[in-house]
Every structure is written in structure tokens, then in C-alpha cells.
N, C-alpha and C. Protein backbone atom coordinates (compact mmCIF):
# COMPACT_ATOMS: atom_id res chain seq x y z
N UNK A 1 0.85 -1.18 0.00
CA UNK A 1 0.00 0.00 0.00
C UNK A 1 0.89 1.24 0.00
N UNK A 2 0.70 2.16 -0.94
CA UNK A 2 1.56 3.34 -1.00
C UNK A 2 1.32 4.27 0.18
N UNK A 3 2.37 4.98 0.54
CA UNK A 3 2.29 5.94 1.62
C UNK A 3 1.66 7.23 1.07
N UNK A 4 0.58 7.67 1.67
CA UNK A 4 -0.10 8.86 1.16
C UNK A 4 0.10 10.07 2.05
N UNK A 5 1.21 10.08 2.77
CA UNK A 5 1.54 11.21 3.63
C UNK A 5 2.89 11.79 3.18
N UNK A 6 3.05 13.11 3.33
CA UNK A 6 4.34 13.70 2.97
C UNK A 6 5.45 13.19 3.90
N UNK A 7 6.67 13.17 3.38
CA UNK A 7 7.82 12.75 4.19
C UNK A 7 8.34 13.91 5.03
N UNK A 8 7.96 15.12 4.67
CA UNK A 8 8.39 16.30 5.42
C UNK A 8 7.39 17.42 5.14
N UNK A 9 7.19 18.27 6.12
CA UNK A 9 6.26 19.38 5.97
C UNK A 9 6.84 20.62 6.63
N UNK A 10 6.70 21.75 5.96
CA UNK A 10 7.17 23.03 6.49
C UNK A 10 5.97 23.96 6.54
N UNK A 11 5.76 24.60 7.70
CA UNK A 11 4.65 25.55 7.83
C UNK A 11 5.15 26.88 8.36
N UNK A 12 4.65 27.92 7.75
CA UNK A 12 4.84 29.28 8.23
C UNK A 12 3.46 29.91 8.27
N UNK A 13 2.91 30.03 9.47
CA UNK A 13 1.55 30.53 9.60
C UNK A 13 0.59 29.61 8.88
N UNK A 14 -0.20 30.15 7.97
CA UNK A 14 -1.20 29.35 7.26
C UNK A 14 -0.66 28.70 6.00
N UNK A 15 0.60 28.97 5.67
CA UNK A 15 1.20 28.46 4.44
C UNK A 15 1.97 27.17 4.73
N UNK A 16 1.78 26.19 3.84
CA UNK A 16 2.42 24.89 4.06
C UNK A 16 3.07 24.41 2.76
N UNK A 17 4.28 23.86 2.89
CA UNK A 17 4.95 23.16 1.79
C UNK A 17 5.12 21.71 2.23
N UNK A 18 4.56 20.79 1.48
CA UNK A 18 4.65 19.36 1.79
C UNK A 18 5.59 18.70 0.80
N UNK A 19 6.56 17.93 1.32
CA UNK A 19 7.53 17.22 0.48
C UNK A 19 7.09 15.76 0.39
N UNK A 20 7.03 15.26 -0.83
CA UNK A 20 6.60 13.88 -1.10
C UNK A 20 7.77 13.11 -1.70
N UNK A 21 7.92 11.86 -1.31
CA UNK A 21 8.96 10.99 -1.86
C UNK A 21 8.32 10.03 -2.85
N UNK A 22 8.92 9.93 -4.01
CA UNK A 22 8.44 9.02 -5.05
C UNK A 22 9.59 8.12 -5.49
N UNK A 23 9.40 6.81 -5.35
CA UNK A 23 10.42 5.85 -5.77
C UNK A 23 10.42 5.76 -7.29
N UNK A 24 11.62 5.85 -7.86
CA UNK A 24 11.79 5.68 -9.30
C UNK A 24 12.88 4.65 -9.54
N UNK A 25 13.09 4.30 -10.78
CA UNK A 25 14.15 3.34 -11.12
C UNK A 25 15.52 3.85 -10.72
N UNK A 26 15.69 5.16 -10.70
CA UNK A 26 16.99 5.75 -10.39
C UNK A 26 17.10 6.21 -8.94
N UNK A 27 16.09 5.92 -8.12
CA UNK A 27 16.12 6.32 -6.72
C UNK A 27 14.95 7.20 -6.37
N UNK A 28 15.02 7.76 -5.18
CA UNK A 28 13.92 8.59 -4.68
C UNK A 28 13.96 9.97 -5.33
N UNK A 29 12.81 10.41 -5.80
CA UNK A 29 12.66 11.77 -6.31
C UNK A 29 11.67 12.47 -5.39
N UNK A 30 11.95 13.72 -5.07
CA UNK A 30 11.07 14.48 -4.19
C UNK A 30 10.28 15.52 -5.00
N UNK A 31 9.02 15.66 -4.63
CA UNK A 31 8.15 16.69 -5.20
C UNK A 31 7.58 17.50 -4.04
N UNK A 32 7.19 18.72 -4.33
CA UNK A 32 6.65 19.61 -3.30
C UNK A 32 5.30 20.15 -3.74
N UNK A 33 4.34 20.10 -2.82
CA UNK A 33 3.06 20.76 -3.05
C UNK A 33 2.93 21.86 -2.02
N UNK A 34 2.24 22.93 -2.38
CA UNK A 34 2.06 24.06 -1.47
C UNK A 34 0.57 24.34 -1.31
N UNK A 35 0.21 24.83 -0.13
CA UNK A 35 -1.19 25.16 0.12
C UNK A 35 -1.27 26.21 1.22
N UNK A 36 -2.44 26.83 1.28
CA UNK A 36 -2.72 27.81 2.32
C UNK A 36 -3.95 27.32 3.08
N UNK A 37 -3.82 27.21 4.39
CA UNK A 37 -4.94 26.76 5.22
C UNK A 37 -5.82 27.94 5.59
N UNK A 38 -7.12 27.70 5.62
CA UNK A 38 -8.05 28.73 6.06
C UNK A 38 -9.26 28.04 6.68
N UNK A 39 -9.98 28.79 7.45
CA UNK A 39 -11.15 28.25 8.14
C UNK A 39 -12.42 28.79 7.48
N UNK A 40 -13.32 27.88 7.13
CA UNK A 40 -14.61 28.22 6.55
C UNK A 40 -15.68 27.80 7.56
N UNK A 41 -16.11 28.75 8.38
CA UNK A 41 -17.01 28.41 9.49
C UNK A 41 -16.24 27.62 10.53
N UNK A 42 -16.67 26.41 10.81
CA UNK A 42 -15.98 25.55 11.78
C UNK A 42 -15.04 24.56 11.10
N UNK A 43 -14.98 24.59 9.79
CA UNK A 43 -14.22 23.59 9.05
C UNK A 43 -12.94 24.17 8.45
N UNK A 44 -11.80 23.43 8.63
CA UNK A 44 -10.54 23.83 8.03
C UNK A 44 -10.49 23.33 6.59
N UNK A 45 -10.02 24.19 5.69
CA UNK A 45 -9.87 23.84 4.28
C UNK A 45 -8.50 24.31 3.82
N UNK A 46 -8.13 23.91 2.61
CA UNK A 46 -6.87 24.42 2.06
C UNK A 46 -7.10 24.89 0.63
N UNK A 47 -6.22 25.77 0.21
CA UNK A 47 -6.32 26.38 -1.10
C UNK A 47 -4.94 26.45 -1.74
N UNK A 48 -4.92 26.46 -3.06
CA UNK A 48 -3.66 26.64 -3.77
C UNK A 48 -3.52 28.08 -4.28
N UNK A 49 -4.38 28.96 -3.81
CA UNK A 49 -4.31 30.38 -4.15
C UNK A 49 -3.66 31.15 -3.00
N UNK A 50 -2.83 32.12 -3.36
CA UNK A 50 -2.08 32.86 -2.36
C UNK A 50 -2.23 34.35 -2.61
N UNK A 51 -2.38 35.09 -1.51
CA UNK A 51 -2.46 36.54 -1.59
C UNK A 51 -1.10 37.17 -1.37
N UNK A 52 -1.06 38.46 -1.48
CA UNK A 52 0.19 39.21 -1.31
C UNK A 52 0.89 38.87 0.00
N UNK A 53 0.14 38.82 1.10
CA UNK A 53 0.74 38.58 2.41
C UNK A 53 1.19 37.14 2.60
N UNK A 54 0.82 36.25 1.70
CA UNK A 54 1.25 34.85 1.77
C UNK A 54 2.56 34.60 1.05
N UNK A 55 2.97 35.52 0.18
CA UNK A 55 4.09 35.24 -0.72
C UNK A 55 5.43 35.09 -0.02
N UNK A 56 5.74 35.94 0.94
CA UNK A 56 7.02 35.79 1.64
C UNK A 56 7.05 34.54 2.51
N UNK A 57 5.99 34.24 3.29
CA UNK A 57 6.01 32.96 4.01
C UNK A 57 6.08 31.76 3.07
N UNK A 58 5.44 31.85 1.90
CA UNK A 58 5.51 30.77 0.92
C UNK A 58 6.93 30.59 0.40
N UNK A 59 7.60 31.69 0.09
CA UNK A 59 8.98 31.62 -0.37
C UNK A 59 9.88 31.01 0.71
N UNK A 60 9.65 31.38 1.95
CA UNK A 60 10.43 30.85 3.07
C UNK A 60 10.18 29.34 3.22
N UNK A 61 8.92 28.92 3.12
CA UNK A 61 8.59 27.50 3.23
C UNK A 61 9.24 26.71 2.09
N UNK A 62 9.22 27.27 0.88
CA UNK A 62 9.86 26.59 -0.25
C UNK A 62 11.37 26.51 -0.08
N UNK A 63 11.96 27.56 0.47
CA UNK A 63 13.40 27.55 0.74
C UNK A 63 13.75 26.44 1.73
N UNK A 64 12.97 26.32 2.79
CA UNK A 64 13.22 25.27 3.79
C UNK A 64 13.00 23.88 3.19
N UNK A 65 11.98 23.72 2.35
CA UNK A 65 11.73 22.44 1.70
C UNK A 65 12.91 22.09 0.79
N UNK A 66 13.41 23.06 0.06
CA UNK A 66 14.56 22.84 -0.82
C UNK A 66 15.78 22.40 -0.02
N UNK A 67 16.05 23.08 1.08
CA UNK A 67 17.18 22.72 1.94
C UNK A 67 17.03 21.30 2.45
N UNK A 68 15.84 20.92 2.88
CA UNK A 68 15.61 19.57 3.42
C UNK A 68 15.87 18.52 2.34
N UNK A 69 15.36 18.76 1.12
CA UNK A 69 15.56 17.81 0.02
C UNK A 69 17.05 17.68 -0.29
N UNK A 70 17.78 18.79 -0.32
CA UNK A 70 19.22 18.75 -0.59
C UNK A 70 19.95 17.95 0.48
N UNK A 71 19.55 18.10 1.72
CA UNK A 71 20.17 17.34 2.82
C UNK A 71 19.91 15.85 2.67
N UNK A 72 18.72 15.48 2.20
CA UNK A 72 18.40 14.07 1.99
C UNK A 72 19.29 13.48 0.89
N UNK A 73 19.48 14.25 -0.16
CA UNK A 73 20.32 13.79 -1.28
C UNK A 73 21.76 13.64 -0.86
N UNK A 74 22.25 14.57 0.00
CA UNK A 74 23.62 14.46 0.51
C UNK A 74 23.78 13.20 1.33
N UNK A 75 22.76 12.84 2.10
CA UNK A 75 22.78 11.65 2.92
C UNK A 75 22.81 10.37 2.10
N UNK A 76 22.26 10.40 0.88
CA UNK A 76 22.27 9.22 0.00
C UNK A 76 23.67 8.88 -0.45
N UNK A 77 24.50 9.90 -0.59
CA UNK A 77 25.87 9.67 -1.08
C UNK A 77 26.82 9.15 -0.01
N UNK A 78 26.43 9.15 1.25
CA UNK A 78 27.30 8.72 2.34
C UNK A 78 27.40 7.23 2.40
């Protein structure tokens, strides 16, 4: 059964970057999805739309996700 959870997650406020691991013939490849959490009444939802105030936290989350992926790749070579 495939794992349907991210291997790593970075959050800054309502902005989230999720890192996913995908096995390929040449090894693990990482992909990143981004979302913004918001509350609609009593229910939490997520969106792939970002406003002006989300952009810097989003850039920061992506930077951290990139760093984490690079560290994983460095560990593969050891």
C-alpha cells in the first residue's frame, strides 16, 4: 500500500509546503506541493491560491523544503 503522507512538511503561519517521496528506477525523487490553510465556518480547508501577504512565508517554506531535500540527497551519497 503506497504511503499517502508527505515525508516532510514546512509551515509558516497558514502556508504549508509538503515534500513527497516518489520511488523511481533511479532512486527517490522528491516533489513539493504548497497550500494555504483557512477556516470556513468551523471547518478547516486548504487552497492553492495565495495573496500578497502569503508570498514571503511561501517563499520561506519553499526555501526550507529545498534545503531539506538537498540534505536528503547528501545523505544518500554517504
